[in-house]
Amino acid sequence: MSVDRATVTPSVVGLHVQPWDLLVVGGGTAGIVGAKTAARLGARVLLVERDRTGGDCLWTGCVPSKALLAAAGVAASARNGHRFGIDVGEVSVDFTRVMNHVRATIQHIAPVDSVEALNEASVAVRNATARFTGACSAEIDGTPVRFRQALIATGASPAVPSVPGLSEVDYLTSDTIWELSELPDDLVVLGGGSIGCELGQAFARLGSRVSVVEGAPSILPREDSLAATRLARALVHDGVELRTGSGVARVEATGAATGVLHLENGDRVRFSCLLVAVGRAPRTNDIGLAAAGVEVDDRGFVVVDDLLRTTNPRIWAAGDLTGHPQFTHTAGVHASLAASNAILGVRRKVDLTTVPRVTFTDPELAAVGLSTQRPRSPLRTIDWAHSHVDRAVAEGAMDGFTRLVVDKRGHILGATVVGPRAGETVGELTLAITRGLTTRDLAGVTHAYPTYNDGPWNVAISDVQDQLERPGTRRALGALARVRTWWVSRDD
């Protein structure tokens, strides 16, 4: 028998209110957004989180890393003040105070994702472990519950490669690095992706000797090669040693946390602190997915269709465990979509073609849409160097660029931006791609001057000017100008 929602208050976390309209497993970004969306639509929602609400983004990911990068950026600016005629003397880093800043940032944001905030949004929360026992049933710390529909949002955790000897070392991950109480003298980062580059640059700027080891030929191997090259140059400038093109064959432990990386090319890299940052693996073990009829792929990611429905039509999934781009913004958008589909029965589909991504180094690297790395004809790329962006010139940050992929009609299909605040710049380009806008549309919008958004604007203007230089267009415009001149001069 159904229970009237008006009789259920968020403070009631007992499990007698059954079946729940939506059971949400996981209290990170996807779980929180999905639960709030469903509750807003009138559903009775129970969210189960075994640890703390807020997820990796709040406690070990986006928030602490950006706070650390901000502190590291101040240190770098002080050291480089001479470029602007400012000498500040020797820079001293108090790592304890830096980490206090990081923790204070987390605590400032945490109330937004708290149990109290969820309760206020009419979501019941249970701090416990959930495990599915059937197609419409689960156990919450051993107590049976029934649900009409469920949303799996258990996220992902740092992946650990199967490297011989690695388990014998007390290595760090993006989850555990925040437990450091002292600045490492020597930090070796295994992995040259976004996490490795961000944390590597941050610790180098704070004073650690940092090496980044990446098996691919370059860091950020999935990004435009020119963008990766520019970022590599910035990391080296900050003192980061880059070792690319050779993977790790084995790890030799020389102490509890110290050792030597033996690379496949024969090189050896000693470390006193090792950070493993090679990606993230889905948290899909031990939650009873098989009992619920929910399939996973060979990597452990939950199989979903374009509606975010699993192989059990009553269970949905969103966030990092789906194999979709592992970003907080993706998790939030997809969770809202999945909850709407579940509660309202609508059929909104995911769009993976315009998911922006940002590496928050200095400079930032942002990209969206089609790859800007040598697109196939008839697509083409157009570039604008930031040495011609006046804001970049004024701030001495001219090494960046904006690159767009456009079709023959000028529709913007992809973009890469390297430079300060590239993550903000890419928002406009994401909108342009999503709405099918052209370079002519972008060029026709008045932009504030001087900003870093002058990059996309100027590259669009340049493309429109090139279009006007085409022979056919020039002939047509010339003819129109002559007609206009004749018309105006009739009464001369």
Protein backbone atom coordinates (compact mmCIF):
# COMPACT_ATOMS: atom_id res chain seq x y z
CA MET A 1 0.00 0.00 0.00
CA SER A 2 1.36 3.40 -0.91
CA VAL A 3 1.99 6.01 1.78
CA ASP A 4 0.95 9.60 1.26
CA ARG A 5 4.08 11.71 0.91
CA ALA A 6 2.61 14.38 3.19
CA THR A 7 2.87 11.95 6.11
CA VAL A 8 6.61 11.40 5.59
CA THR A 9 9.04 14.03 6.82
CA PRO A 10 12.75 14.12 5.95
CA SER A 11 13.68 13.52 9.55
CA VAL A 12 12.04 10.11 9.35
CA VAL A 13 14.91 7.84 8.32
CA GLY A 14 13.26 4.65 9.51
CA LEU A 15 12.80 2.14 6.73
CA HIS A 16 9.13 1.35 7.35
CA VAL A 17 7.99 3.76 4.62
CA GLN A 18 7.86 1.29 1.78
CA PRO A 19 8.13 0.99 -1.07
CA TRP A 20 10.22 4.11 -1.64
CA ASP A 21 9.53 5.87 -4.91
CA LEU A 22 13.28 6.22 -5.44
CA LEU A 23 16.15 4.61 -3.58
CA VAL A 24 19.42 6.46 -4.23
CA VAL A 25 22.62 4.58 -3.48
CA GLY A 26 25.52 7.00 -3.07
CA GLY A 27 25.66 10.54 -1.70
CA GLY A 28 28.12 12.24 -4.03
CA THR A 29 27.21 14.77 -6.69
CA ALA A 30 25.11 12.36 -8.76
CA GLY A 31 23.27 10.98 -5.74
CA ILE A 32 22.56 14.40 -4.24
CA VAL A 33 21.35 15.95 -7.50
CA GLY A 34 19.30 12.89 -8.41
CA ALA A 35 17.67 12.72 -4.97
CA LYS A 36 16.83 16.42 -4.87
CA THR A 37 15.44 16.32 -8.41
CA ALA A 38 13.18 13.38 -7.61
CA ALA A 39 11.99 14.94 -4.33
CA ARG A 40 11.24 18.18 -6.14
CA LEU A 41 9.04 16.20 -8.51
CA GLY A 42 7.01 14.83 -5.60
CA ALA A 43 8.69 11.47 -5.06
CA ARG A 44 9.43 9.89 -1.69
CA VAL A 45 13.21 9.52 -1.77
CA LEU A 46 15.66 7.64 0.43
CA LEU A 47 19.36 8.33 -0.07
CA VAL A 48 21.85 5.90 1.43
CA GLU A 49 25.49 6.93 1.88
CA ARG A 50 27.94 4.77 3.81
CA ASP A 51 30.53 7.49 4.42
CA ARG A 52 29.72 11.21 4.16
CA THR A 53 27.59 13.16 1.74
CA GLY A 54 29.36 15.35 -0.77
CA GLY A 55 31.38 12.66 -2.49
CA ASP A 56 34.90 12.72 -3.87
CA CYS A 57 34.49 16.12 -5.50
CA LEU A 58 33.99 17.84 -2.16
CA TRP A 59 36.32 15.86 0.08
CA THR A 60 39.20 14.62 -2.10
CA GLY A 61 38.74 15.94 -5.61
CA CYS A 62 37.65 19.21 -7.20
CA VAL A 63 37.40 21.35 -4.09
CA PRO A 64 40.64 20.52 -2.24
CA SER A 65 42.71 20.37 -5.44
CA LYS A 66 41.54 23.81 -6.55
CA ALA A 67 42.21 25.24 -3.10
CA LEU A 68 45.73 23.76 -3.22
CA LEU A 69 46.26 25.12 -6.75
CA ALA A 70 45.20 28.57 -5.58
CA ALA A 71 47.78 28.54 -2.79
CA ALA A 72 50.45 27.25 -5.17
CA GLY A 73 49.54 29.96 -7.66
CA VAL A 74 50.17 32.65 -5.07
CA ALA A 75 53.60 31.19 -4.37
CA ALA A 76 54.42 31.11 -8.09
CA SER A 77 53.22 34.68 -8.60
CA ALA A 78 55.41 35.89 -5.76
CA ARG A 79 58.46 34.17 -7.23
CA ASN A 80 57.74 35.58 -10.69
CA GLY A 81 56.96 39.12 -9.53
CA HIS A 82 60.22 40.36 -11.05
CA ARG A 83 58.61 40.08 -14.48
CA PHE A 84 56.39 42.99 -13.51
CA GLY A 85 59.04 44.95 -11.68
CA ILE A 86 58.10 43.61 -8.25
CA ASP A 87 60.67 41.91 -6.01
CA VAL A 88 59.29 40.23 -2.89
CA GLY A 89 62.39 38.38 -1.69
CA GLU A 90 62.46 34.72 -0.73
CA VAL A 91 59.11 32.93 -0.74
CA SER A 92 58.42 30.84 2.37
CA VAL A 93 55.70 28.16 2.26
CA ASP A 94 54.08 27.03 5.50
CA PHE A 95 52.57 23.72 4.36
CA THR A 96 50.51 23.32 7.52
CA ARG A 97 48.76 26.62 6.84
CA VAL A 98 48.33 25.70 3.19
CA MET A 99 46.53 22.52 4.17
CA ASN A 100 44.48 24.44 6.72
CA HIS A 101 43.34 26.66 3.84
CA VAL A 102 42.40 23.54 1.87
CA ARG A 103 40.39 22.10 4.76
CA ALA A 104 38.71 25.44 5.48
CA THR A 105 37.59 25.60 1.84
CA ILE A 106 36.03 22.15 2.13
CA GLN A 107 34.23 23.05 5.35
CA HIS A 108 32.89 26.24 3.81
CA ILE A 109 31.25 24.32 0.97
CA ALA A 110 30.27 21.17 2.89
CA PRO A 111 26.94 22.49 4.29
CA VAL A 112 25.54 22.68 0.75
CA ASP A 113 25.89 18.89 0.44
CA SER A 114 25.07 18.02 4.04
CA VAL A 115 22.41 15.69 5.41
CA GLU A 116 20.61 18.76 6.77
CA ALA A 117 20.48 20.32 3.30
CA LEU A 118 19.10 17.08 1.87
CA ASN A 119 16.49 16.91 4.63
CA GLU A 120 15.42 20.46 3.82
CA ALA A 121 14.94 19.32 0.22
CA SER A 122 12.58 16.55 1.46
CA VAL A 123 15.11 13.74 1.01
CA ALA A 124 15.40 11.11 3.76
CA VAL A 125 19.02 10.14 4.39
CA ARG A 126 20.45 7.02 5.96
CA ASN A 127 24.16 6.72 6.82
CA ALA A 128 24.59 3.04 6.06
CA THR A 129 25.62 0.45 3.48
CA ALA A 130 23.14 -0.52 0.79
CA ARG A 131 23.13 -3.80 -1.09
CA PHE A 132 20.60 -4.91 -3.69
CA THR A 133 18.89 -8.23 -3.04
CA GLY A 134 16.49 -8.32 -5.96
CA ALA A 135 14.98 -6.39 -8.84
CA CYS A 136 13.07 -4.09 -6.46
CA SER A 137 14.61 -4.82 -3.08
CA ALA A 138 17.72 -4.03 -1.08
CA GLU A 139 19.17 -4.27 2.39
CA ILE A 140 20.24 -1.19 4.33
CA ASP A 141 22.73 -2.43 6.93
CA GLY A 142 20.88 -5.72 6.79
CA THR A 143 17.38 -4.25 7.04
CA PRO A 144 15.16 -5.12 4.05
CA VAL A 145 13.66 -2.28 2.01
CA ARG A 146 11.58 -2.19 -1.12
CA PHE A 147 11.63 0.44 -3.86
CA ARG A 148 9.74 1.23 -7.00
CA GLN A 149 12.83 2.58 -8.71
CA ALA A 150 16.47 3.14 -7.80
CA LEU A 151 19.39 5.29 -8.83
CA ILE A 152 22.92 3.91 -8.48
CA ALA A 153 25.43 6.70 -7.90
CA THR A 154 28.35 5.09 -6.09
CA GLY A 155 30.97 6.87 -8.21
CA ALA A 156 34.57 5.78 -8.68
CA SER A 157 37.81 5.54 -6.74
CA PRO A 158 41.46 5.95 -7.73
CA ALA A 159 42.61 3.13 -9.98
CA VAL A 160 45.76 1.25 -9.01
CA PRO A 161 47.75 -0.36 -11.84
CA SER A 162 48.98 -3.94 -11.62
CA VAL A 163 52.66 -3.07 -11.35
CA PRO A 164 54.91 -5.60 -9.61
CA GLY A 165 56.09 -4.29 -6.25
CA LEU A 166 53.67 -1.37 -6.06
CA SER A 167 51.67 -2.93 -3.23
CA GLU A 168 54.81 -3.06 -1.09
CA VAL A 169 55.02 0.74 -0.96
CA ASP A 170 52.84 3.16 1.01
CA TYR A 171 51.86 5.16 -2.06
CA LEU A 172 49.40 8.04 -2.12
CA THR A 173 46.35 8.59 -4.32
CA SER A 174 44.14 11.59 -4.94
CA ASP A 175 42.08 10.30 -1.99
CA THR A 176 44.92 10.09 0.53
CA ILE A 177 47.27 12.90 -0.47
CA TRP A 178 45.23 15.30 1.66
CA GLU A 179 46.44 13.47 4.76
CA LEU A 180 49.98 14.82 4.26
CA SER A 181 51.23 16.89 7.17
CA GLU A 182 54.58 17.84 5.65
CA LEU A 183 55.55 19.01 2.19
CA PRO A 184 57.34 16.13 0.40
CA ASP A 185 60.94 16.79 -0.57
CA ASP A 186 60.66 14.53 -3.62
CA LEU A 187 57.29 13.66 -5.14
CA VAL A 188 56.99 11.27 -8.08
CA VAL A 189 53.62 11.30 -9.81
CA LEU A 190 52.70 8.15 -11.69
CA GLY A 191 50.34 9.34 -14.43
CA GLY A 192 50.36 12.44 -16.62
CA GLY A 193 46.63 13.00 -16.93
CA SER A 194 44.68 15.93 -15.50
CA ILE A 195 45.00 14.85 -11.86
CA GLY A 196 48.70 14.13 -12.15
CA CYS A 197 49.44 17.41 -13.92
CA GLU A 198 47.38 19.52 -11.50
CA LEU A 199 48.84 18.05 -8.33
CA GLY A 200 52.32 17.82 -9.82
CA GLN A 201 52.38 21.51 -10.69
CA ALA A 202 50.86 22.48 -7.34
CA PHE A 203 53.46 20.65 -5.27
CA ALA A 204 56.29 21.88 -7.48
CA ARG A 205 55.18 25.47 -6.94
CA LEU A 206 54.96 24.86 -3.21
CA GLY A 207 58.58 23.67 -3.17
CA SER A 208 58.68 19.91 -3.78
CA ARG A 209 60.97 18.37 -6.39
CA VAL A 210 58.42 16.75 -8.70
CA SER A 211 58.71 14.18 -11.47
CA VAL A 212 55.75 13.09 -13.58
CA VAL A 213 56.01 9.64 -15.18
CA GLU A 214 53.68 8.96 -18.12
CA GLY A 215 53.85 5.92 -20.36
CA ALA A 216 52.34 7.70 -23.35
CA PRO A 217 54.56 9.86 -25.58
CA SER A 218 53.28 13.03 -23.90
CA ILE A 219 51.30 14.19 -20.89
CA LEU A 220 47.55 14.57 -21.40
CA PRO A 221 47.64 12.09 -24.31
CA ARG A 222 43.94 12.51 -25.08
CA GLU A 223 44.22 16.25 -25.65
CA ASP A 224 45.29 18.26 -28.67
CA SER A 225 49.06 17.73 -29.01
CA LEU A 226 49.75 21.48 -29.27
CA ALA A 227 47.82 22.05 -26.04
CA ALA A 228 49.71 19.23 -24.30
CA THR A 229 53.01 20.69 -25.50
CA ARG A 230 52.17 24.15 -24.16
CA LEU A 231 51.18 22.70 -20.81
CA ALA A 232 54.34 20.57 -20.68
CA ARG A 233 56.37 23.73 -21.22
CA ALA A 234 54.60 25.39 -18.28
CA LEU A 235 55.20 22.42 -15.99
CA VAL A 236 58.89 22.29 -16.86
CA HIS A 237 59.12 26.04 -16.20
CA ASP A 238 57.77 25.36 -12.70
CA GLY A 239 60.48 22.76 -12.12
CA VAL A 240 58.55 19.58 -12.93
CA GLU A 241 60.63 16.84 -14.55
CA LEU A 242 58.61 15.06 -17.24
CA ARG A 243 59.41 11.45 -18.06
CA THR A 244 57.18 10.35 -20.92
CA GLY A 245 57.17 7.51 -23.43
CA SER A 246 57.97 4.64 -21.08
CA GLY A 247 55.79 2.83 -18.60
CA VAL A 248 56.74 1.41 -15.21
CA ALA A 249 58.01 -2.18 -15.30
CA ARG A 250 58.26 -2.66 -11.55
CA VAL A 251 58.56 -0.84 -8.23
CA GLU A 252 61.42 -1.51 -5.84
CA ALA A 253 60.65 -0.61 -2.24
CA THR A 254 63.55 0.77 -0.20
CA GLY A 255 61.45 1.81 2.81
CA ALA A 256 57.85 2.12 3.94
CA ALA A 257 57.11 4.96 1.48
CA THR A 258 60.36 5.21 -0.47
CA GLY A 259 61.59 3.31 -3.46
CA VAL A 260 62.61 3.24 -7.09
CA LEU A 261 60.49 3.10 -10.23
CA HIS A 262 62.10 0.86 -12.83
CA LEU A 263 60.88 2.05 -16.22
CA GLU A 264 60.47 -0.15 -19.25
CA ASN A 265 63.27 1.72 -21.05
CA GLY A 266 65.73 0.89 -18.27
CA ASP A 267 65.61 4.26 -16.50
CA ARG A 268 65.26 4.42 -12.73
CA VAL A 269 63.34 7.09 -10.84
CA ARG A 270 63.84 7.34 -7.09
CA PHE A 271 61.07 8.65 -4.86
CA SER A 272 60.52 9.52 -1.24
CA CYS A 273 56.80 10.02 -1.89
CA LEU A 274 54.80 8.35 -4.68
CA LEU A 275 51.44 9.58 -5.95
CA VAL A 276 49.50 7.15 -8.15
CA ALA A 277 47.22 9.08 -10.51
CA VAL A 278 46.44 6.79 -13.45
CA GLY A 279 42.66 7.14 -13.58
CA ARG A 280 39.58 6.07 -11.67
CA ALA A 281 37.79 2.73 -11.35
CA PRO A 282 34.02 2.34 -10.76
CA ARG A 283 32.73 1.44 -7.30
CA THR A 284 30.43 -1.37 -8.37
CA ASN A 285 31.67 -4.31 -6.30
CA ASP A 286 29.75 -5.67 -3.33
CA ILE A 287 26.51 -3.74 -3.88
CA GLY A 288 24.50 -6.69 -5.22
CA LEU A 289 24.20 -5.64 -8.85
CA ALA A 290 23.92 -9.23 -10.08
CA ALA A 291 21.03 -9.90 -7.69
CA ALA A 292 19.28 -6.83 -9.07
CA GLY A 293 19.81 -7.86 -12.68
CA VAL A 294 22.16 -4.95 -13.38
CA GLU A 295 24.96 -5.78 -15.79
CA VAL A 296 28.47 -4.32 -15.79
CA ASP A 297 31.02 -4.32 -18.59
CA ASP A 298 34.44 -5.96 -18.52
CA ARG A 299 35.89 -2.92 -16.72
CA GLY A 300 33.21 -2.93 -14.03
CA PHE A 301 31.20 0.05 -15.32
CA VAL A 302 27.41 -0.19 -15.11
CA VAL A 303 25.85 -0.73 -18.53
CA VAL A 304 23.30 1.99 -19.29
CA ASP A 305 21.32 3.02 -22.35
CA ASP A 306 21.01 6.57 -23.62
CA LEU A 307 18.26 7.20 -21.04
CA LEU A 308 20.65 6.10 -18.24
CA ARG A 309 18.54 3.03 -17.55
CA THR A 310 20.41 -0.14 -16.58
CA THR A 311 19.58 -3.67 -17.70
CA ASN A 312 17.00 -3.64 -14.90
CA PRO A 313 14.34 -1.20 -16.21
CA ARG A 314 13.56 -0.08 -12.65
CA ILE A 315 17.15 0.87 -11.86
CA TRP A 316 19.06 3.83 -13.26
CA ALA A 317 22.66 4.94 -12.93
CA ALA A 318 24.54 8.22 -13.19
CA GLY A 319 28.02 9.54 -12.54
CA ASP A 320 31.49 8.04 -12.72
CA LEU A 321 30.36 4.41 -12.49
CA THR A 322 28.67 4.57 -15.94
CA GLY A 323 31.83 4.96 -17.98
CA HIS A 324 30.70 8.36 -19.20
CA PRO A 325 33.13 11.30 -18.83
CA GLN A 326 34.13 11.36 -15.16
CA PHE A 327 33.40 14.95 -14.25
CA THR A 328 31.30 16.47 -11.50
CA HIS A 329 29.27 18.47 -14.01
CA THR A 330 28.51 15.32 -16.02
CA ALA A 331 27.42 13.50 -12.88
CA GLY A 332 25.06 16.28 -11.87
CA VAL A 333 23.46 16.77 -15.28
CA HIS A 334 23.05 13.04 -15.86
CA ALA A 335 21.62 12.42 -12.40
CA SER A 336 18.98 15.10 -12.94
CA LEU A 337 18.13 13.53 -16.29
CA ALA A 338 17.94 10.01 -14.86
CA ALA A 339 15.74 11.11 -11.94
CA SER A 340 13.38 12.95 -14.29
CA ASN A 341 13.12 9.92 -16.54
CA ALA A 342 12.47 7.63 -13.57
CA ILE A 343 9.86 9.75 -11.79
CA LEU A 344 8.06 11.37 -14.73
CA GLY A 345 8.45 8.64 -17.33
CA VAL A 346 9.90 11.08 -19.84
CA ARG A 347 12.60 9.92 -22.25
CA ARG A 348 15.37 12.48 -22.06
CA LYS A 349 18.60 11.21 -23.60
CA VAL A 350 22.17 11.91 -22.63
CA ASP A 351 24.30 14.03 -24.95
CA LEU A 352 27.97 13.13 -24.77
CA THR A 353 29.05 15.25 -27.73
CA THR A 354 29.33 18.53 -25.83
CA VAL A 355 30.77 17.64 -22.42
CA PRO A 356 33.43 20.25 -21.56
CA ARG A 357 36.59 19.23 -19.71
CA VAL A 358 39.18 21.37 -17.98
CA THR A 359 42.65 20.69 -16.62
CA PHE A 360 43.06 23.36 -13.95
CA THR A 361 46.78 23.89 -14.29
CA ASP A 362 48.41 27.23 -15.06
CA PRO A 363 47.69 27.77 -17.87
CA GLU A 364 44.36 25.97 -17.90
CA LEU A 365 43.52 23.60 -20.73
CA ALA A 366 39.86 23.38 -21.71
CA ALA A 367 38.24 21.45 -24.53
CA VAL A 368 34.78 20.50 -25.76
CA GLY A 369 33.18 18.78 -28.73
CA LEU A 370 35.12 17.23 -31.59
CA SER A 371 38.87 16.83 -31.21
CA THR A 372 40.85 19.72 -32.63
CA GLN A 373 43.70 17.33 -33.51
CA ARG A 374 43.81 17.09 -37.33
CA PRO A 375 40.08 16.73 -38.14
CA ARG A 376 39.09 14.94 -41.31
CA SER A 377 38.10 16.88 -44.40
CA PRO A 378 35.86 18.77 -45.02
CA LEU A 379 36.24 19.92 -41.41
CA ARG A 380 38.99 22.42 -40.71
CA THR A 381 40.67 24.07 -37.75
CA ILE A 382 41.16 27.78 -37.18
CA ASP A 383 43.58 29.17 -34.60
CA TRP A 384 44.17 32.38 -32.71
CA ALA A 385 47.39 32.86 -30.77
CA HIS A 386 46.98 34.60 -27.42
CA SER A 387 49.95 36.78 -28.26
CA HIS A 388 47.21 38.71 -30.06
CA VAL A 389 44.83 38.75 -27.08
CA ASP A 390 45.40 42.07 -25.34
CA ARG A 391 44.46 40.80 -21.87
CA ALA A 392 47.02 38.02 -22.22
CA VAL A 393 49.66 40.54 -23.34
CA ALA A 394 48.92 42.78 -20.35
CA GLU A 395 49.26 39.86 -17.93
CA GLY A 396 52.28 38.28 -19.61
CA ALA A 397 50.38 35.08 -20.39
CA MET A 398 50.79 34.94 -24.16
CA ASP A 399 51.68 31.27 -24.58
CA GLY A 400 48.04 30.18 -24.94
CA PHE A 401 45.83 29.80 -27.96
CA THR A 402 42.27 29.16 -29.09
CA ARG A 403 41.57 26.51 -31.72
CA LEU A 404 38.16 25.75 -33.23
CA VAL A 405 36.94 22.93 -35.46
CA VAL A 406 34.36 24.14 -37.97
CA ASP A 407 32.55 22.69 -40.96
CA LYS A 408 32.37 24.26 -44.41
CA ARG A 409 29.49 26.50 -43.33
CA GLY A 410 31.32 27.70 -40.25
CA HIS A 411 29.40 25.69 -37.64
CA ILE A 412 31.53 25.32 -34.50
CA LEU A 413 31.95 21.62 -33.70
CA GLY A 414 34.90 21.50 -31.33
CA ALA A 415 37.26 23.73 -29.39
CA THR A 416 40.49 23.71 -27.42
CA VAL A 417 41.59 26.69 -25.33
CA VAL A 418 44.87 27.06 -23.45
CA GLY A 419 45.32 30.04 -21.18
CA PRO A 420 44.25 31.62 -17.89
CA ARG A 421 40.56 31.05 -17.12
CA ALA A 422 40.16 28.74 -20.12
CA GLY A 423 37.56 26.87 -18.08
CA GLU A 424 35.37 29.99 -18.13
CA THR A 425 36.03 30.65 -21.82
CA VAL A 426 34.96 27.16 -22.84
CA GLY A 427 31.44 27.78 -21.49
CA GLU A 428 30.59 30.09 -24.38
CA LEU A 429 32.00 27.60 -26.87
CA THR A 430 30.02 24.75 -25.31
CA LEU A 431 26.86 26.78 -25.79
CA ALA A 432 27.85 27.56 -29.38
CA ILE A 433 28.37 23.88 -30.20
CA THR A 434 25.20 22.78 -28.42
CA ARG A 435 23.07 25.36 -30.25
CA GLY A 436 24.64 24.79 -33.66
CA LEU A 437 26.09 28.31 -33.88
CA THR A 438 28.56 29.43 -36.52
CA THR A 439 31.64 31.61 -36.39
CA ARG A 440 29.47 34.33 -37.92
CA ASP A 441 27.09 34.06 -34.94
CA LEU A 442 29.97 34.28 -32.47
CA ALA A 443 31.62 37.15 -34.32
CA GLY A 444 28.36 39.09 -34.27
CA VAL A 445 28.09 39.11 -30.45
CA THR A 446 29.67 42.07 -28.66
CA HIS A 447 32.28 40.90 -26.16
CA ALA A 448 33.69 42.87 -23.26
CA TYR A 449 37.23 44.14 -23.79
CA PRO A 450 39.84 43.20 -22.74
CA THR A 451 39.12 39.64 -21.67
CA TYR A 452 40.48 36.20 -22.44
CA ASN A 453 37.24 35.58 -24.34
CA ASP A 454 38.75 37.77 -27.03
CA GLY A 455 40.46 34.55 -28.18
CA PRO A 456 37.29 32.78 -29.38
CA TRP A 457 35.81 36.07 -30.56
CA ASN A 458 38.84 37.02 -32.64
CA VAL A 459 39.24 33.58 -34.15
CA ALA A 460 35.57 33.74 -35.17
CA ILE A 461 36.01 37.21 -36.66
CA SER A 462 39.08 35.99 -38.53
CA ASP A 463 37.12 33.08 -40.00
CA VAL A 464 34.30 35.38 -41.14
CA GLN A 465 36.82 37.69 -42.76
CA ASP A 466 38.36 34.74 -44.58
CA GLN A 467 34.91 33.77 -45.83
CA LEU A 468 34.42 37.29 -47.17
CA GLU A 469 37.67 36.94 -49.11
CA ARG A 470 36.40 34.00 -51.14
CA PRO A 471 36.17 34.90 -54.88
CA GLY A 472 32.45 34.31 -55.17
CA THR A 473 31.67 36.26 -52.04
CA ARG A 474 33.95 39.13 -53.09
CA ARG A 475 32.24 39.36 -56.49
CA ALA A 476 28.80 39.41 -54.89
CA LEU A 477 29.78 42.04 -52.36
CA GLY A 478 31.46 44.12 -55.04
CA ALA A 479 28.34 44.05 -57.14
CA LEU A 480 26.22 45.05 -54.15
CA ALA A 481 28.57 47.92 -53.36
CA ARG A 482 28.38 49.18 -56.95
CA VAL A 483 24.58 49.10 -56.88
CA ARG A 484 24.61 50.98 -53.60
CA THR A 485 26.99 53.60 -55.00
CA TRP A 486 24.80 54.07 -58.08
CA TRP A 487 21.71 54.47 -55.92
CA VAL A 488 23.26 57.02 -53.59
CA SER A 489 24.78 59.07 -56.45
CA ARG A 490 21.59 59.39 -58.53
CA ASP A 491 20.94 62.92 -57.37
CA ASP A 492 24.58 64.14 -57.55
